[in-house]
Amino acid sequence: MIQVTYVTHDGVAHSVELKPGQSVMEGAVRNNIPGIDADCGGACACATCHVYVDPDWLEKTGSPSAMEESMLDFAEGVQPNSRLSCQIKASDTLDGLLVRLPESQG
């Protein structure tokens, strides 16, 4: 299992365990993490699962695809470390991942 910690805009941390291959968005939805709506169900067709990847994890999560970058254009408060959590898949290299949720999704 891979541990992921989601920190809501008000500073509350929620740590959950994901199965390898499960998306960070799926982990949030299945564990009722507030601030991840996932309106499109993980199809990379909205931006309601927007997260800020902790700088220590940016390299390990990889770069967003062109489609993901296009969807991020619809998100509020996009920063250089913005990602759609539906596009980050849990793996052993991401054990301990930390993501923060934008205030706009609170």
C-alpha atoms as a PDB file:
ATOM      1  CA  MET A   1       0.000   0.000   0.000  1.00  0.00           C
ATOM      2  CA  ILE A   2       1.117   3.541  -0.767  1.00  0.00           C
ATOM      3  CA  GLN A   3       0.490   6.293   1.775  1.00  0.00           C
ATOM      4  CA  VAL A   4      -0.713   9.652   0.451  1.00  0.00           C
ATOM      5  CA  THR A   5      -1.406  12.694   2.607  1.00  0.00           C
ATOM      6  CA  TYR A   6      -3.919  15.297   1.455  1.00  0.00           C
ATOM      7  CA  VAL A   7      -3.802  18.655   3.224  1.00  0.00           C
ATOM      8  CA  THR A   8      -6.943  20.750   2.899  1.00  0.00           C
ATOM      9  CA  HIS A   9      -6.681  24.510   2.434  1.00  0.00           C
ATOM     10  CA  ASP A  10      -7.333  24.988   6.163  1.00  0.00           C
ATOM     11  CA  GLY A  11      -4.337  22.833   7.114  1.00  0.00           C
ATOM     12  CA  VAL A  12      -6.088  19.589   8.059  1.00  0.00           C
ATOM     13  CA  ALA A  13      -4.085  16.522   6.964  1.00  0.00           C
ATOM     14  CA  HIS A  14      -5.774  13.315   5.832  1.00  0.00           C
ATOM     15  CA  SER A  15      -3.488  10.305   5.306  1.00  0.00           C
ATOM     16  CA  VAL A  16      -4.822   7.332   3.380  1.00  0.00           C
ATOM     17  CA  GLU A  17      -3.426   4.192   1.800  1.00  0.00           C
ATOM     18  CA  LEU A  18      -3.801   3.558  -1.924  1.00  0.00           C
ATOM     19  CA  LYS A  19      -3.280   0.411  -3.919  1.00  0.00           C
ATOM     20  CA  PRO A  20      -0.611   0.527  -6.624  1.00  0.00           C
ATOM     21  CA  GLY A  21      -2.143   1.854  -9.842  1.00  0.00           C
ATOM     22  CA  GLN A  22      -4.961   3.656  -8.068  1.00  0.00           C
ATOM     23  CA  SER A  23      -5.074   7.381  -8.831  1.00  0.00           C
ATOM     24  CA  VAL A  24      -4.579   9.989  -6.133  1.00  0.00           C
ATOM     25  CA  MET A  25      -8.069  11.243  -7.038  1.00  0.00           C
ATOM     26  CA  GLU A  26      -9.616   7.781  -6.516  1.00  0.00           C
ATOM     27  CA  GLY A  27      -7.974   7.570  -3.109  1.00  0.00           C
ATOM     28  CA  ALA A  28      -9.474  10.924  -2.147  1.00  0.00           C
ATOM     29  CA  VAL A  29     -12.964  10.065  -3.350  1.00  0.00           C
ATOM     30  CA  ARG A  30     -12.998   6.612  -1.708  1.00  0.00           C
ATOM     31  CA  ASN A  31     -11.864   8.125   1.583  1.00  0.00           C
ATOM     32  CA  ASN A  32     -14.174  11.162   1.517  1.00  0.00           C
ATOM     33  CA  ILE A  33     -11.359  13.718   1.410  1.00  0.00           C
ATOM     34  CA  PRO A  34     -13.027  17.139   1.272  1.00  0.00           C
ATOM     35  CA  GLY A  35     -12.121  19.315  -1.716  1.00  0.00           C
ATOM     36  CA  ILE A  36     -11.785  16.609  -4.375  1.00  0.00           C
ATOM     37  CA  ASP A  37     -15.049  16.509  -6.323  1.00  0.00           C
ATOM     38  CA  ALA A  38     -13.840  14.539  -9.366  1.00  0.00           C
ATOM     39  CA  ASP A  39     -16.870  15.507 -11.448  1.00  0.00           C
ATOM     40  CA  CYS A  40     -15.605  13.664 -14.550  1.00  0.00           C
ATOM     41  CA  GLY A  41     -14.724  10.491 -12.650  1.00  0.00           C
ATOM     42  CA  GLY A  42     -11.057  10.593 -13.560  1.00  0.00           C
ATOM     43  CA  ALA A  43     -11.320  11.072 -17.321  1.00  0.00           C
ATOM     44  CA  CYS A  44      -9.109  14.194 -17.321  1.00  0.00           C
ATOM     45  CA  ALA A  45     -12.102  16.163 -18.561  1.00  0.00           C
ATOM     46  CA  CYS A  46     -12.481  18.694 -15.741  1.00  0.00           C
ATOM     47  CA  ALA A  47     -10.314  20.298 -13.082  1.00  0.00           C
ATOM     48  CA  THR A  48     -12.245  19.433  -9.917  1.00  0.00           C
ATOM     49  CA  CYS A  49      -9.442  17.213  -8.607  1.00  0.00           C
ATOM     50  CA  HIS A  50      -6.773  19.931  -8.802  1.00  0.00           C
ATOM     51  CA  VAL A  51      -3.981  19.586  -6.229  1.00  0.00           C
ATOM     52  CA  TYR A  52      -0.643  21.198  -5.466  1.00  0.00           C
ATOM     53  CA  VAL A  53       2.092  18.574  -5.337  1.00  0.00           C
ATOM     54  CA  ASP A  54       4.584  19.202  -2.545  1.00  0.00           C
ATOM     55  CA  PRO A  55       7.856  20.423  -4.140  1.00  0.00           C
ATOM     56  CA  ASP A  56       9.769  17.413  -2.776  1.00  0.00           C
ATOM     57  CA  TRP A  57       7.526  15.133  -4.865  1.00  0.00           C
ATOM     58  CA  LEU A  58       7.329  17.032  -8.155  1.00  0.00           C
ATOM     59  CA  GLU A  59      10.014  15.072  -9.952  1.00  0.00           C
ATOM     60  CA  LYS A  60       8.583  11.738  -8.832  1.00  0.00           C
ATOM     61  CA  THR A  61       5.038  12.536  -9.996  1.00  0.00           C
ATOM     62  CA  GLY A  62       6.239  13.415 -13.498  1.00  0.00           C
ATOM     63  CA  SER A  63       5.072  16.117 -15.847  1.00  0.00           C
ATOM     64  CA  PRO A  64       1.473  16.754 -16.843  1.00  0.00           C
ATOM     65  CA  SER A  65       0.397  15.607 -20.292  1.00  0.00           C
ATOM     66  CA  ALA A  66      -0.820  18.138 -22.871  1.00  0.00           C
ATOM     67  CA  MET A  67      -4.418  17.152 -22.089  1.00  0.00           C
ATOM     68  CA  GLU A  68      -3.864  17.659 -18.351  1.00  0.00           C
ATOM     69  CA  GLU A  69      -2.270  21.061 -18.964  1.00  0.00           C
ATOM     70  CA  SER A  70      -5.284  22.005 -21.063  1.00  0.00           C
ATOM     71  CA  MET A  71      -7.662  21.040 -18.241  1.00  0.00           C
ATOM     72  CA  LEU A  72      -5.574  22.947 -15.689  1.00  0.00           C
ATOM     73  CA  ASP A  73      -6.403  26.094 -17.697  1.00  0.00           C
ATOM     74  CA  PHE A  74      -9.896  25.780 -16.172  1.00  0.00           C
ATOM     75  CA  ALA A  75      -8.668  25.515 -12.572  1.00  0.00           C
ATOM     76  CA  GLU A  76      -8.405  28.441 -10.176  1.00  0.00           C
ATOM     77  CA  GLY A  77      -5.081  29.359  -8.613  1.00  0.00           C
ATOM     78  CA  VAL A  78      -2.877  27.256 -10.880  1.00  0.00           C
ATOM     79  CA  GLN A  79       0.752  27.171  -9.765  1.00  0.00           C
ATOM     80  CA  PRO A  80       3.867  25.507 -11.213  1.00  0.00           C
ATOM     81  CA  ASN A  81       3.237  22.485  -8.954  1.00  0.00           C
ATOM     82  CA  SER A  82      -0.434  22.102  -9.960  1.00  0.00           C
ATOM     83  CA  ARG A  83      -1.597  18.682 -11.123  1.00  0.00           C
ATOM     84  CA  LEU A  84      -4.870  16.884 -11.612  1.00  0.00           C
ATOM     85  CA  SER A  85      -4.926  14.123  -9.034  1.00  0.00           C
ATOM     86  CA  CYS A  86      -6.695  11.788 -11.470  1.00  0.00           C
ATOM     87  CA  GLN A  87      -3.497  11.748 -13.514  1.00  0.00           C
ATOM     88  CA  ILE A  88      -1.152  10.752 -10.663  1.00  0.00           C
ATOM     89  CA  LYS A  89      -1.038   6.985 -10.212  1.00  0.00           C
ATOM     90  CA  ALA A  90       0.069   5.470  -6.917  1.00  0.00           C
ATOM     91  CA  SER A  91       3.314   3.522  -7.067  1.00  0.00           C
ATOM     92  CA  ASP A  92       6.027   2.492  -4.638  1.00  0.00           C
ATOM     93  CA  THR A  93       8.045   5.579  -5.616  1.00  0.00           C
ATOM     94  CA  LEU A  94       5.158   7.769  -4.421  1.00  0.00           C
ATOM     95  CA  ASP A  95       4.846   6.220  -0.957  1.00  0.00           C
ATOM     96  CA  GLY A  96       4.576   9.221   1.370  1.00  0.00           C
ATOM     97  CA  LEU A  97       3.296  11.641  -1.303  1.00  0.00           C
ATOM     98  CA  LEU A  98       2.008  14.964   0.025  1.00  0.00           C
ATOM     99  CA  VAL A  99      -0.524  17.052  -1.894  1.00  0.00           C
ATOM    100  CA  ARG A 100      -2.323  20.224  -0.883  1.00  0.00           C
ATOM    101  CA  LEU A 101      -5.814  21.256  -1.955  1.00  0.00           C
ATOM    102  CA  PRO A 102      -6.572  24.733  -3.304  1.00  0.00           C
ATOM    103  CA  GLU A 103      -8.760  27.010  -1.232  1.00  0.00           C
ATOM    104  CA  SER A 104     -11.143  27.305  -4.194  1.00  0.00           C
ATOM    105  CA  GLN A 105     -12.029  23.612  -3.722  1.00  0.00           C
ATOM    106  CA  GLY A 106     -12.769  23.957  -0.016  1.00  0.00           C
END
